[in-house]
Amino acid sequence: MKNNLLNTSKNFLSKLLLSKKKRAYESLEEIPIAKWWSVCDGELTKLIIDGGFTQLELYNIYIKLLQDYYDAFGTTEQHKAFVNARYEYACKLAEYIEKQDGTSKMFLLIAKQDLKEVTPTTNKGKELSLMEIIVNLEKSLGFSLDKNTLSTYKFYSYLKNNG
């Protein structure tokens, strides 16, 4: 009897765990622009639909979505230079940590300066909010947009074609 009850409990628990699958937004066509905007501001938990995710899992989903964005809509030369400089700095830092010599330190400092020169500065006072951009798009398109249901892909497609 005790063994039977234990097996029943295990079966119930395994069925419960299987029914609680983890789900997250994994495509630009799926994630609403309001959530994507929050994710880009650092709120990776907005990627979650159901279940629990580690920060690493969320970060990996974010990186994939970001790559999808770049593939679909491209990026600026300034951003490419910034990403390249960050990569170079990371490589020089790894080399310096490994070797701990003067030459590696010199190249690390040069890479740090290069990164500093291409790091974008934001002027929060001049950036448009998501709602301001949507209002401008609505004027251009002639119909209303809902930031909570409009997919990120459609939003940037509208922006690309009308902005």
Foldseek 3Di string as FASTA:
>chain_A
DVVVVVVVVVVVVVVVVVVQDWDFDQELQFAFQVLVVVVVVPPLVSRTPTDDDDPVVSVVSNVNHVVVCCVVPNDDPLVVQLVVLVVQLVVLVVVCVVPVDDVSVVSNVVSVVSNVVSDDDDDVVPDDDPVVLQVVLCVQVVHHDDRRGHGSVVSVVSVVVRD
